[in-house]
PDB file of N, CA and C in Angstrom:
ATOM      1  N   MET A   1     -24.530  -0.194  34.413  1.00  0.00           N
ATOM      2  CA  MET A   1     -25.405   0.540  33.533  1.00  0.00           C
ATOM      3  C   MET A   1     -24.678   1.718  32.894  1.00  0.00           C
ATOM      4  N   ASP A   2     -23.866   2.438  33.686  1.00  0.00           N
ATOM      5  CA  ASP A   2     -23.126   3.562  33.141  1.00  0.00           C
ATOM      6  C   ASP A   2     -22.098   3.106  32.115  1.00  0.00           C
ATOM      7  N   PHE A   3     -21.485   1.941  32.359  1.00  0.00           N
ATOM      8  CA  PHE A   3     -20.491   1.419  31.439  1.00  0.00           C
ATOM      9  C   PHE A   3     -21.102   1.155  30.060  1.00  0.00           C
ATOM     10  N   ALA A   4     -22.297   0.613  30.012  1.00  0.00           N
ATOM     11  CA  ALA A   4     -22.990   0.342  28.745  1.00  0.00           C
ATOM     12  C   ALA A   4     -23.303   1.643  28.017  1.00  0.00           C
ATOM     13  N   ARG A   5     -23.655   2.696  28.735  1.00  0.00           N
ATOM     14  CA  ARG A   5     -23.925   3.995  28.110  1.00  0.00           C
ATOM     15  C   ARG A   5     -22.652   4.573  27.517  1.00  0.00           C
ATOM     16  N   TYR A   6     -21.525   4.421  28.208  1.00  0.00           N
ATOM     17  CA  TYR A   6     -20.250   4.926  27.695  1.00  0.00           C
ATOM     18  C   TYR A   6     -19.851   4.199  26.404  1.00  0.00           C
ATOM     19  N   ILE A   7     -19.993   2.899  26.424  1.00  0.00           N
ATOM     20  CA  ILE A   7     -19.659   2.100  25.231  1.00  0.00           C
ATOM     21  C   ILE A   7     -20.597   2.459  24.082  1.00  0.00           C
ATOM     22  N   GLY A   8     -21.878   2.620  24.358  1.00  0.00           N
ATOM     23  CA  GLY A   8     -22.834   3.002  23.320  1.00  0.00           C
ATOM     24  C   GLY A   8     -22.521   4.373  22.738  1.00  0.00           C
ATOM     25  N   ALA A   9     -22.163   5.329  23.608  1.00  0.00           N
ATOM     26  CA  ALA A   9     -21.820   6.669  23.131  1.00  0.00           C
ATOM     27  C   ALA A   9     -20.545   6.627  22.292  1.00  0.00           C
ATOM     28  N   LEU A  10     -19.562   5.830  22.709  1.00  0.00           N
ATOM     29  CA  LEU A  10     -18.327   5.696  21.946  1.00  0.00           C
ATOM     30  C   LEU A  10     -18.604   5.108  20.566  1.00  0.00           C
ATOM     31  N   LEU A  11     -19.408   4.070  20.490  1.00  0.00           N
ATOM     32  CA  LEU A  11     -19.752   3.466  19.204  1.00  0.00           C
ATOM     33  C   LEU A  11     -20.514   4.445  18.309  1.00  0.00           C
ATOM     34  N   LEU A  12     -21.396   5.246  18.909  1.00  0.00           N
ATOM     35  CA  LEU A  12     -22.137   6.240  18.143  1.00  0.00           C
ATOM     36  C   LEU A  12     -21.193   7.293  17.558  1.00  0.00           C
ATOM     37  N   VAL A  13     -20.268   7.789  18.358  1.00  0.00           N
ATOM     38  CA  VAL A  13     -19.322   8.802  17.885  1.00  0.00           C
ATOM     39  C   VAL A  13     -18.408   8.229  16.804  1.00  0.00           C
ATOM     40  N   LEU A  14     -17.897   7.013  17.004  1.00  0.00           N
ATOM     41  CA  LEU A  14     -17.052   6.388  15.992  1.00  0.00           C
ATOM     42  C   LEU A  14     -17.812   6.159  14.682  1.00  0.00           C
ATOM     43  N   GLY A  15     -19.068   5.779  14.781  1.00  0.00           N
ATOM     44  CA  GLY A  15     -19.896   5.607  13.589  1.00  0.00           C
ATOM     45  C   GLY A  15     -20.116   6.919  12.859  1.00  0.00           C
ATOM     46  N   LEU A  16     -20.347   7.998  13.602  1.00  0.00           N
ATOM     47  CA  LEU A  16     -20.536   9.305  12.972  1.00  0.00           C
ATOM     48  C   LEU A  16     -19.259   9.791  12.292  1.00  0.00           C
ATOM     49  N   VAL A  17     -18.110   9.591  12.944  1.00  0.00           N
ATOM     50  CA  VAL A  17     -16.831  10.000  12.343  1.00  0.00           C
ATOM     51  C   VAL A  17     -16.555   9.178  11.078  1.00  0.00           C
ATOM     52  N   GLY A  18     -16.791   7.884  11.139  1.00  0.00           N
ATOM     53  CA  GLY A  18     -16.600   7.033   9.960  1.00  0.00           C
ATOM     54  C   GLY A  18     -17.541   7.407   8.828  1.00  0.00           C
ATOM     55  N   GLY A  19     -18.794   7.682   9.149  1.00  0.00           N
ATOM     56  CA  GLY A  19     -19.751   8.103   8.129  1.00  0.00           C
ATOM     57  C   GLY A  19     -19.370   9.431   7.496  1.00  0.00           C
ATOM     58  N   ALA A  20     -18.877  10.362   8.311  1.00  0.00           N
ATOM     59  CA  ALA A  20     -18.440  11.651   7.773  1.00  0.00           C
ATOM     60  C   ALA A  20     -17.220  11.461   6.864  1.00  0.00           C
ATOM     61  N   GLY A  21     -16.322  10.568   7.225  1.00  0.00           N
ATOM     62  CA  GLY A  21     -15.160  10.292   6.379  1.00  0.00           C
ATOM     63  C   GLY A  21     -15.556   9.683   5.044  1.00  0.00           C
ATOM     64  N   LEU A  22     -16.478   8.734   5.074  1.00  0.00           N
ATOM     65  CA  LEU A  22     -16.954   8.135   3.825  1.00  0.00           C
ATOM     66  C   LEU A  22     -17.681   9.148   2.960  1.00  0.00           C
ATOM     67  N   ALA A  23     -18.494  10.002   3.574  1.00  0.00           N
ATOM     68  CA  ALA A  23     -19.201  11.028   2.811  1.00  0.00           C
ATOM     69  C   ALA A  23     -18.218  12.019   2.199  1.00  0.00           C
ATOM     70  N   ALA A  24     -17.182  12.398   2.944  1.00  0.00           N
ATOM     71  CA  ALA A  24     -16.182  13.330   2.417  1.00  0.00           C
ATOM     72  C   ALA A  24     -15.445  12.715   1.234  1.00  0.00           C
ATOM     73  N   ARG A  25     -15.111  11.436   1.331  1.00  0.00           N
ATOM     74  CA  ARG A  25     -14.428  10.778   0.216  1.00  0.00           C
ATOM     75  C   ARG A  25     -15.351  10.642  -0.982  1.00  0.00           C
ATOM     76  N   ARG A  26     -16.609  10.327  -0.734  1.00  0.00           N
ATOM     77  CA  ARG A  26     -17.576  10.136  -1.820  1.00  0.00           C
ATOM     78  C   ARG A  26     -17.842  11.423  -2.579  1.00  0.00           C
ATOM     79  N   PHE A  27     -17.914  12.549  -1.878  1.00  0.00           N
ATOM     80  CA  PHE A  27     -18.256  13.812  -2.514  1.00  0.00           C
ATOM     81  C   PHE A  27     -17.040  14.667  -2.831  1.00  0.00           C
ATOM     82  N   GLY A  28     -15.841  14.092  -2.792  1.00  0.00           N
ATOM     83  CA  GLY A  28     -14.653  14.784  -3.246  1.00  0.00           C
ATOM     84  C   GLY A  28     -14.005  15.708  -2.245  1.00  0.00           C
ATOM     85  N   LEU A  29     -14.331  15.598  -0.987  1.00  0.00           N
ATOM     86  CA  LEU A  29     -13.714  16.448   0.011  1.00  0.00           C
ATOM     87  C   LEU A  29     -12.477  15.807   0.622  1.00  0.00           C
ATOM     88  N   GLY A  30     -12.088  14.639   0.138  1.00  0.00           N
ATOM     89  CA  GLY A  30     -10.941  13.937   0.698  1.00  0.00           C
ATOM     90  C   GLY A  30      -9.609  14.541   0.300  1.00  0.00           C
ATOM     91  N   SER A  31      -9.568  15.286  -0.792  1.00  0.00           N
ATOM     92  CA  SER A  31      -8.313  15.883  -1.254  1.00  0.00           C
ATOM     93  C   SER A  31      -8.367  17.391  -1.073  1.00  0.00           C
ATOM     94  N   LEU A  32      -8.422  17.832   0.166  1.00  0.00           N
ATOM     95  CA  LEU A  32      -8.473  19.260   0.450  1.00  0.00           C
ATOM     96  C   LEU A  32      -7.149  19.950   0.175  1.00  0.00           C
ATOM     97  N   VAL A  33      -6.039  19.217   0.216  1.00  0.00           N
ATOM     98  CA  VAL A  33      -4.736  19.830   0.016  1.00  0.00           C
ATOM     99  C   VAL A  33      -4.543  20.247  -1.435  1.00  0.00           C
ATOM    100  N   LYS A  34      -4.889  19.389  -2.381  1.00  0.00           N
ATOM    101  CA  LYS A  34      -4.681  19.674  -3.793  1.00  0.00           C
ATOM    102  C   LYS A  34      -5.904  19.186  -4.573  1.00  0.00           C
ATOM    103  N   PRO A  35      -6.542  20.040  -5.353  1.00  0.00           N
ATOM    104  CA  PRO A  35      -7.700  19.604  -6.130  1.00  0.00           C
ATOM    105  C   PRO A  35      -7.323  18.503  -7.124  1.00  0.00           C
ATOM    106  N   ALA A  36      -8.272  17.644  -7.410  1.00  0.00           N
ATOM    107  CA  ALA A  36      -8.015  16.494  -8.282  1.00  0.00           C
ATOM    108  C   ALA A  36      -7.672  16.922  -9.701  1.00  0.00           C
ATOM    109  N   MET A  37      -8.137  18.072 -10.157  1.00  0.00           N
ATOM    110  CA  MET A  37      -7.895  18.510 -11.527  1.00  0.00           C
ATOM    111  C   MET A  37      -6.448  18.968 -11.753  1.00  0.00           C
ATOM    112  N   SER A  38      -5.723  19.328 -10.716  1.00  0.00           N
ATOM    113  CA  SER A  38      -4.372  19.845 -10.904  1.00  0.00           C
ATOM    114  C   SER A  38      -3.298  18.836 -10.527  1.00  0.00           C
ATOM    115  N   ARG A  39      -3.621  17.588 -10.479  1.00  0.00           N
ATOM    116  CA  ARG A  39      -2.624  16.570 -10.151  1.00  0.00           C
ATOM    117  C   ARG A  39      -1.707  16.346 -11.340  1.00  0.00           C
ATOM    118  N   ARG A  40      -0.431  16.185 -11.052  1.00  0.00           N
ATOM    119  CA  ARG A  40       0.565  15.995 -12.098  1.00  0.00           C
ATOM    120  C   ARG A  40       0.913  14.539 -12.319  1.00  0.00           C
ATOM    121  N   LEU A  41       0.565  13.674 -11.397  1.00  0.00           N
ATOM    122  CA  LEU A  41       0.967  12.273 -11.444  1.00  0.00           C
ATOM    123  C   LEU A  41      -0.264  11.388 -11.431  1.00  0.00           C
ATOM    124  N   ALA A  42      -0.293  10.382 -12.326  1.00  0.00           N
ATOM    125  CA  ALA A  42      -1.436   9.474 -12.379  1.00  0.00           C
ATOM    126  C   ALA A  42      -0.977   8.110 -12.875  1.00  0.00           C
ATOM    127  N   ILE A  43      -1.613   7.070 -12.370  1.00  0.00           N
ATOM    128  CA  ILE A  43      -1.409   5.726 -12.893  1.00  0.00           C
ATOM    129  C   ILE A  43      -2.465   5.513 -13.964  1.00  0.00           C
ATOM    130  N   VAL A  44      -2.010   5.391 -15.197  1.00  0.00           N
ATOM    131  CA  VAL A  44      -2.918   5.289 -16.336  1.00  0.00           C
ATOM    132  C   VAL A  44      -3.488   3.885 -16.453  1.00  0.00           C
ATOM    133  N   GLU A  45      -2.617   2.879 -16.324  1.00  0.00           N
ATOM    134  CA  GLU A  45      -3.056   1.499 -16.522  1.00  0.00           C
ATOM    135  C   GLU A  45      -2.115   0.561 -15.777  1.00  0.00           C
ATOM    136  N   THR A  46      -2.641  -0.559 -15.296  1.00  0.00           N
ATOM    137  CA  THR A  46      -1.821  -1.594 -14.670  1.00  0.00           C
ATOM    138  C   THR A  46      -2.149  -2.931 -15.311  1.00  0.00           C
ATOM    139  N   LEU A  47      -1.162  -3.802 -15.344  1.00  0.00           N
ATOM    140  CA  LEU A  47      -1.344  -5.144 -15.898  1.00  0.00           C
ATOM    141  C   LEU A  47      -0.560  -6.123 -15.043  1.00  0.00           C
ATOM    142  N   MET A  48      -1.239  -7.099 -14.485  1.00  0.00           N
ATOM    143  CA  MET A  48      -0.574  -8.149 -13.710  1.00  0.00           C
ATOM    144  C   MET A  48       0.031  -9.141 -14.700  1.00  0.00           C
ATOM    145  N   ILE A  49       1.345  -9.335 -14.635  1.00  0.00           N
ATOM    146  CA  ILE A  49       2.009 -10.264 -15.547  1.00  0.00           C
ATOM    147  C   ILE A  49       2.475 -11.517 -14.819  1.00  0.00           C
ATOM    148  N   GLY A  50       2.296 -11.561 -13.540  1.00  0.00           N
ATOM    149  CA  GLY A  50       2.647 -12.714 -12.726  1.00  0.00           C
ATOM    150  C   GLY A  50       1.937 -12.594 -11.398  1.00  0.00           C
ATOM    151  N   PRO A  51       2.146 -13.576 -10.513  1.00  0.00           N
ATOM    152  CA  PRO A  51       1.453 -13.508  -9.225  1.00  0.00           C
ATOM    153  C   PRO A  51       1.866 -12.305  -8.375  1.00  0.00           C
ATOM    154  N   ARG A  52       3.104 -11.813  -8.575  1.00  0.00           N
ATOM    155  CA  ARG A  52       3.568 -10.690  -7.760  1.00  0.00           C
ATOM    156  C   ARG A  52       4.223  -9.591  -8.593  1.00  0.00           C
ATOM    157  N   GLN A  53       4.160  -9.697  -9.913  1.00  0.00           N
ATOM    158  CA  GLN A  53       4.739  -8.686 -10.787  1.00  0.00           C
ATOM    159  C   GLN A  53       3.628  -7.958 -11.542  1.00  0.00           C
ATOM    160  N   ARG A  54       3.842  -6.656 -11.721  1.00  0.00           N
ATOM    161  CA  ARG A  54       2.870  -5.893 -12.485  1.00  0.00           C
ATOM    162  C   ARG A  54       3.573  -4.827 -13.306  1.00  0.00           C
ATOM    163  N   LEU A  55       2.989  -4.536 -14.461  1.00  0.00           N
ATOM    164  CA  LEU A  55       3.442  -3.445 -15.309  1.00  0.00           C
ATOM    165  C   LEU A  55       2.533  -2.252 -15.053  1.00  0.00           C
ATOM    166  N   LEU A  56       3.126  -1.079 -14.968  1.00  0.00           N
ATOM    167  CA  LEU A  56       2.369   0.139 -14.731  1.00  0.00           C
ATOM    168  C   LEU A  56       2.716   1.160 -15.802  1.00  0.00           C
ATOM    169  N   ILE A  57       1.733   1.863 -16.294  1.00  0.00           N
ATOM    170  CA  ILE A  57       1.967   3.041 -17.120  1.00  0.00           C
ATOM    171  C   ILE A  57       1.648   4.232 -16.240  1.00  0.00           C
ATOM    172  N   ILE A  58       2.672   5.048 -15.997  1.00  0.00           N
ATOM    173  CA  ILE A  58       2.536   6.201 -15.116  1.00  0.00           C
ATOM    174  C   ILE A  58       2.677   7.460 -15.953  1.00  0.00           C
ATOM    175  N   ARG A  59       1.731   8.382 -15.806  1.00  0.00           N
ATOM    176  CA  ARG A  59       1.783   9.653 -16.535  1.00  0.00           C
ATOM    177  C   ARG A  59       2.232  10.746 -15.581  1.00  0.00           C
ATOM    178  N   ARG A  60       3.231  11.522 -16.025  1.00  0.00           N
ATOM    179  CA  ARG A  60       3.726  12.664 -15.267  1.00  0.00           C
ATOM    180  C   ARG A  60       3.920  13.819 -16.235  1.00  0.00           C
ATOM    181  N   ASP A  61       3.195  14.899 -16.033  1.00  0.00           N
ATOM    182  CA  ASP A  61       3.302  16.103 -16.860  1.00  0.00           C
ATOM    183  C   ASP A  61       3.174  15.805 -18.349  1.00  0.00           C
ATOM    184  N   GLY A  62       2.241  14.959 -18.734  1.00  0.00           N
ATOM    185  CA  GLY A  62       2.001  14.673 -20.145  1.00  0.00           C
ATOM    186  C   GLY A  62       2.962  13.677 -20.763  1.00  0.00           C
ATOM    187  N   VAL A  63       3.831  13.070 -19.974  1.00  0.00           N
ATOM    188  CA  VAL A  63       4.779  12.065 -20.456  1.00  0.00           C
ATOM    189  C   VAL A  63       4.507  10.782 -19.687  1.00  0.00           C
ATOM    190  N   GLU A  64       4.499   9.659 -20.410  1.00  0.00           N
ATOM    191  CA  GLU A  64       4.218   8.379 -19.774  1.00  0.00           C
ATOM    192  C   GLU A  64       5.492   7.568 -19.611  1.00  0.00           C
ATOM    193  N   HIS A  65       5.520   6.739 -18.568  1.00  0.00           N
ATOM    194  CA  HIS A  65       6.652   5.870 -18.271  1.00  0.00           C
ATOM    195  C   HIS A  65       6.117   4.463 -18.021  1.00  0.00           C
ATOM    196  N   LEU A  66       6.801   3.455 -18.572  1.00  0.00           N
ATOM    197  CA  LEU A  66       6.440   2.054 -18.358  1.00  0.00           C
ATOM    198  C   LEU A  66       7.340   1.506 -17.258  1.00  0.00           C
ATOM    199  N   VAL A  67       6.724   1.018 -16.170  1.00  0.00           N
ATOM    200  CA  VAL A  67       7.455   0.586 -14.986  1.00  0.00           C
ATOM    201  C   VAL A  67       7.065  -0.850 -14.656  1.00  0.00           C
ATOM    202  N   LEU A  68       8.071  -1.676 -14.337  1.00  0.00           N
ATOM    203  CA  LEU A  68       7.847  -3.039 -13.877  1.00  0.00           C
ATOM    204  C   LEU A  68       8.053  -3.057 -12.374  1.00  0.00           C
ATOM    205  N   SER A  69       7.041  -3.516 -11.645  1.00  0.00           N
ATOM    206  CA  SER A  69       7.097  -3.547 -10.191  1.00  0.00           C
ATOM    207  C   SER A  69       6.906  -4.978  -9.717  1.00  0.00           C
ATOM    208  N   GLY A  70       7.733  -5.389  -8.762  1.00  0.00           N
ATOM    209  CA  GLY A  70       7.644  -6.730  -8.220  1.00  0.00           C
ATOM    210  C   GLY A  70       8.281  -6.792  -6.846  1.00  0.00           C
ATOM    211  N   PRO A  71       8.353  -7.978  -6.266  1.00  0.00           N
ATOM    212  CA  PRO A  71       8.910  -8.103  -4.923  1.00  0.00           C
ATOM    213  C   PRO A  71      10.414  -7.809  -4.869  1.00  0.00           C
ATOM    214  N   ASP A  72      11.122  -7.942  -6.000  1.00  0.00           N
ATOM    215  CA  ASP A  72      12.553  -7.673  -6.036  1.00  0.00           C
ATOM    216  C   ASP A  72      12.865  -6.185  -6.167  1.00  0.00           C
ATOM    217  N   GLY A  73      11.870  -5.387  -6.493  1.00  0.00           N
ATOM    218  CA  GLY A  73      12.082  -3.952  -6.669  1.00  0.00           C
ATOM    219  C   GLY A  73      11.298  -3.434  -7.859  1.00  0.00           C
ATOM    220  N   THR A  74      11.653  -2.238  -8.264  1.00  0.00           N
ATOM    221  CA  THR A  74      10.968  -1.562  -9.350  1.00  0.00           C
ATOM    222  C   THR A  74      11.981  -1.156 -10.401  1.00  0.00           C
ATOM    223  N   SER A  75      11.628  -1.345 -11.691  1.00  0.00           N
ATOM    224  CA  SER A  75      12.514  -0.981 -12.793  1.00  0.00           C
ATOM    225  C   SER A  75      11.738  -0.181 -13.821  1.00  0.00           C
ATOM    226  N   VAL A  76      12.383   0.833 -14.367  1.00  0.00           N
ATOM    227  CA  VAL A  76      11.789   1.599 -15.462  1.00  0.00           C
ATOM    228  C   VAL A  76      12.142   0.873 -16.752  1.00  0.00           C
ATOM    229  N   ILE A  77      11.125   0.422 -17.478  1.00  0.00           N
ATOM    230  CA  ILE A  77      11.328  -0.304 -18.729  1.00  0.00           C
ATOM    231  C   ILE A  77      11.513   0.682 -19.876  1.00  0.00           C
ATOM    232  N   GLU A  78      10.641   1.669 -19.942  1.00  0.00           N
ATOM    233  CA  GLU A  78      10.704   2.679 -21.001  1.00  0.00           C
ATOM    234  C   GLU A  78      10.233   3.990 -20.409  1.00  0.00           C
ATOM    235  N   SER A  79      10.922   5.072 -20.745  1.00  0.00           N
ATOM    236  CA  SER A  79      10.504   6.356 -20.213  1.00  0.00           C
ATOM    237  C   SER A  79      10.357   7.364 -21.352  1.00  0.00           C
ATOM    238  N   ALA A  80       9.750   8.476 -21.026  1.00  0.00           N
ATOM    239  CA  ALA A  80       9.514   9.575 -21.970  1.00  0.00           C
ATOM    240  C   ALA A  80       8.685   9.129 -23.171  1.00  0.00           C
ATOM    241  N   ILE A  81       7.655   8.336 -22.924  1.00  0.00           N
ATOM    242  CA  ILE A  81       6.723   7.933 -23.967  1.00  0.00           C
ATOM    243  C   ILE A  81       5.742   9.079 -24.150  1.00  0.00           C
ATOM    244  N   PRO A  82       5.575   9.607 -25.368  1.00  0.00           N
ATOM    245  CA  PRO A  82       4.595  10.689 -25.549  1.00  0.00           C
ATOM    246  C   PRO A  82       3.190  10.186 -25.235  1.00  0.00           C
ATOM    247  N   THR A  83       2.398  11.031 -24.636  1.00  0.00           N
ATOM    248  CA  THR A  83       1.039  10.657 -24.268  1.00  0.00           C
ATOM    249  C   THR A  83       0.187  10.528 -25.518  1.00  0.00           C
ATOM    250  N   ALA A  84      -0.442   9.371 -25.677  1.00  0.00           N
ATOM    251  CA  ALA A  84      -1.352   9.149 -26.798  1.00  0.00           C
ATOM    252  C   ALA A  84      -2.718   9.684 -26.437  1.00  0.00           C
ATOM    253  N   ALA A  85      -3.413  10.231 -27.417  1.00  0.00           N
ATOM    254  CA  ALA A  85      -4.762  10.720 -27.177  1.00  0.00           C
ATOM    255  C   ALA A  85      -5.684   9.537 -26.952  1.00  0.00           C
ATOM    256  N   SER A  86      -6.594   9.671 -26.001  1.00  0.00           N
ATOM    257  CA  SER A  86      -7.534   8.595 -25.718  1.00  0.00           C
ATOM    258  C   SER A  86      -8.548   8.487 -26.847  1.00  0.00           C
ATOM    259  N   PRO A  87      -9.209   7.330 -27.014  1.00  0.00           N
ATOM    260  CA  PRO A  87     -10.201   7.172 -28.086  1.00  0.00           C
ATOM    261  C   PRO A  87     -11.329   8.194 -27.985  1.00  0.00           C
ATOM    262  N   ILE A  88     -11.704   8.572 -26.778  1.00  0.00           N
ATOM    263  CA  ILE A  88     -12.789   9.547 -26.610  1.00  0.00           C
ATOM    264  C   ILE A  88     -12.343  10.911 -27.110  1.00  0.00           C
ATOM    265  N   SER A  89     -11.123  11.326 -26.741  1.00  0.00           N
ATOM    266  CA  SER A  89     -10.658  12.640 -27.183  1.00  0.00           C
ATOM    267  C   SER A  89     -10.418  12.646 -28.690  1.00  0.00           C
ATOM    268  N   ARG A  90      -9.960  11.512 -29.263  1.00  0.00           N
ATOM    269  CA  ARG A  90      -9.801  11.444 -30.718  1.00  0.00           C
ATOM    270  C   ARG A  90     -11.146  11.576 -31.414  1.00  0.00           C
ATOM    271  N   ALA A  91     -12.193  10.946 -30.858  1.00  0.00           N
ATOM    272  CA  ALA A  91     -13.528  11.045 -31.447  1.00  0.00           C
ATOM    273  C   ALA A  91     -14.046  12.479 -31.364  1.00  0.00           C
ATOM    274  N   LEU A  92     -13.778  13.142 -30.252  1.00  0.00           N
ATOM    275  CA  LEU A  92     -14.207  14.532 -30.122  1.00  0.00           C
ATOM    276  C   LEU A  92     -13.463  15.437 -31.090  1.00  0.00           C
ATOM    277  N   MET A  93     -12.162  15.202 -31.288  1.00  0.00           N
ATOM    278  CA  MET A  93     -11.385  16.019 -32.210  1.00  0.00           C
ATOM    279  C   MET A  93     -11.867  15.820 -33.635  1.00  0.00           C
ATOM    280  N   SER A  94     -12.184  14.583 -34.029  1.00  0.00           N
ATOM    281  CA  SER A  94     -12.655  14.347 -35.394  1.00  0.00           C
ATOM    282  C   SER A  94     -14.027  14.942 -35.610  1.00  0.00           C
ATOM    283  N   THR A  95     -14.856  15.000 -34.572  1.00  0.00           N
ATOM    284  CA  THR A  95     -16.170  15.641 -34.675  1.00  0.00           C
ATOM    285  C   THR A  95     -16.013  17.149 -34.855  1.00  0.00           C
ATOM    286  N   GLU A  96     -15.061  17.745 -34.139  1.00  0.00           N
ATOM    287  CA  GLU A  96     -14.857  19.175 -34.235  1.00  0.00           C
ATOM    288  C   GLU A  96     -14.304  19.564 -35.598  1.00  0.00           C
ATOM    289  N   VAL A  97     -13.454  18.723 -36.183  1.00  0.00           N
ATOM    290  CA  VAL A  97     -12.853  19.028 -37.463  1.00  0.00           C
ATOM    291  C   VAL A  97     -13.884  18.975 -38.575  1.00  0.00           C
ATOM    292  N   THR A  98     -14.784  17.973 -38.545  1.00  0.00           N
ATOM    293  CA  THR A  98     -15.785  17.816 -39.587  1.00  0.00           C
ATOM    294  C   THR A  98     -16.924  18.807 -39.466  1.00  0.00           C
ATOM    295  N   SER A  99     -17.106  19.402 -38.311  1.00  0.00           N
ATOM    296  CA  SER A  99     -18.234  20.328 -38.112  1.00  0.00           C
ATOM    297  C   SER A  99     -18.013  21.639 -38.788  1.00  0.00           C
TER     298      SER A  99
END
Protein backbone atom coordinates (compact mmCIF):
# COMPACT_ATOMS: atom_id res chain seq x y z
CA MET A 1 0.00 0.00 0.00
CA ASP A 2 2.82 2.41 0.84
CA PHE A 3 4.56 1.60 -2.44
CA ALA A 4 1.46 2.64 -4.44
CA ARG A 5 1.31 5.95 -2.53
CA TYR A 6 4.97 6.65 -3.31
CA ILE A 7 4.47 5.94 -7.01
CA GLY A 8 1.31 8.09 -7.06
CA ALA A 9 3.10 10.97 -5.34
CA LEU A 10 6.02 10.68 -7.78
CA LEU A 11 3.68 10.77 -10.78
CA LEU A 12 1.86 13.78 -9.31
CA VAL A 13 5.11 15.71 -8.79
CA LEU A 14 6.40 14.83 -12.27
CA GLY A 15 3.09 15.95 -13.78
CA LEU A 16 3.23 19.26 -11.91
CA VAL A 17 6.84 19.90 -13.01
CA GLY A 18 5.97 19.07 -16.62
CA GLY A 19 2.89 21.29 -16.52
CA ALA A 20 4.91 24.17 -15.08
CA GLY A 21 7.50 23.72 -17.85
CA LEU A 22 4.85 23.78 -20.56
CA ALA A 23 3.20 26.84 -19.02
CA ALA A 24 6.56 28.63 -18.81
CA ARG A 25 7.28 27.89 -22.47
CA ARG A 26 3.77 28.91 -23.52
CA PHE A 27 3.86 32.25 -21.72
CA GLY A 28 7.41 33.18 -22.70
CA LEU A 29 9.25 32.37 -19.51
CA GLY A 30 11.43 29.77 -21.22
CA SER A 31 14.07 32.29 -22.29
CA LEU A 32 14.99 33.86 -18.98
CA VAL A 33 18.63 34.28 -20.01
CA LYS A 34 18.01 36.53 -23.02
CA PRO A 35 14.70 38.18 -24.01
CA ALA A 36 13.32 37.13 -27.38
CA MET A 37 13.35 40.71 -28.71
CA SER A 38 17.14 41.08 -28.43
CA ARG A 39 18.18 37.93 -30.25
CA ARG A 40 20.77 38.44 -32.95
CA LEU A 41 20.40 35.11 -34.74
CA ALA A 42 17.29 33.71 -36.43
CA ILE A 43 16.36 31.11 -39.02
CA VAL A 44 14.23 33.04 -41.48
CA GLU A 45 13.18 30.22 -43.80
CA THR A 46 13.96 26.57 -44.54
CA LEU A 47 13.38 24.54 -47.68
CA MET A 48 13.79 20.77 -47.98
CA ILE A 49 15.46 20.07 -51.33
CA GLY A 50 15.98 16.36 -50.79
CA PRO A 51 15.24 13.65 -48.25
CA ARG A 52 18.17 14.76 -46.07
CA GLN A 53 19.25 18.11 -47.53
CA ARG A 54 17.82 21.49 -46.68
CA LEU A 55 18.46 25.11 -47.56
CA LEU A 56 18.37 27.62 -44.73
CA ILE A 57 18.25 31.40 -44.74
CA ILE A 58 19.87 32.56 -41.53
CA ARG A 59 19.71 36.19 -40.38
CA ARG A 60 22.49 37.58 -38.19
CA ASP A 61 22.62 41.28 -37.28
CA GLY A 62 20.48 42.33 -40.26
CA VAL A 63 22.48 40.27 -42.79
CA GLU A 64 21.20 37.03 -44.27
CA HIS A 65 23.21 33.95 -45.26
CA LEU A 66 22.10 31.05 -47.50
CA VAL A 67 23.30 27.73 -46.07
CA LEU A 68 23.02 24.18 -47.45
CA SER A 69 22.80 21.55 -44.73
CA GLY A 70 22.92 17.80 -45.24
CA PRO A 71 24.37 14.58 -43.87
CA ASP A 72 27.77 15.32 -45.48
CA GLY A 73 28.08 18.64 -43.66
CA THR A 74 27.11 22.26 -44.00
CA SER A 75 28.15 24.74 -46.71
CA VAL A 76 27.60 28.47 -47.04
CA ILE A 77 26.17 29.06 -50.51
CA GLU A 78 25.88 32.85 -50.33
CA SER A 79 26.68 35.23 -47.53
CA ALA A 80 26.18 38.91 -46.71
CA ILE A 81 22.79 39.10 -48.42
CA PRO A 82 21.13 42.40 -47.43
CA THR A 83 17.93 41.85 -45.49
CA ALA A 84 14.86 42.45 -47.64
CA ALA A 85 11.90 44.18 -46.07
CA SER A 86 9.00 41.83 -45.43
CA PRO A 87 5.71 42.42 -47.33
CA ILE A 88 4.03 43.55 -44.10
CA SER A 89 6.70 46.14 -43.32
CA ARG A 90 6.64 47.35 -46.95
CA ALA A 91 2.86 47.79 -46.71
CA LEU A 92 3.24 49.72 -43.48
CA MET A 93 5.94 51.96 -44.98
CA SER A 94 3.80 52.75 -48.03
CA THR A 95 0.85 53.58 -45.76
CA GLU A 96 3.01 55.95 -43.72
CA VAL A 97 4.35 57.69 -46.82
CA THR A 98 0.90 58.31 -48.34
CA SER A 99 -0.61 59.53 -45.07
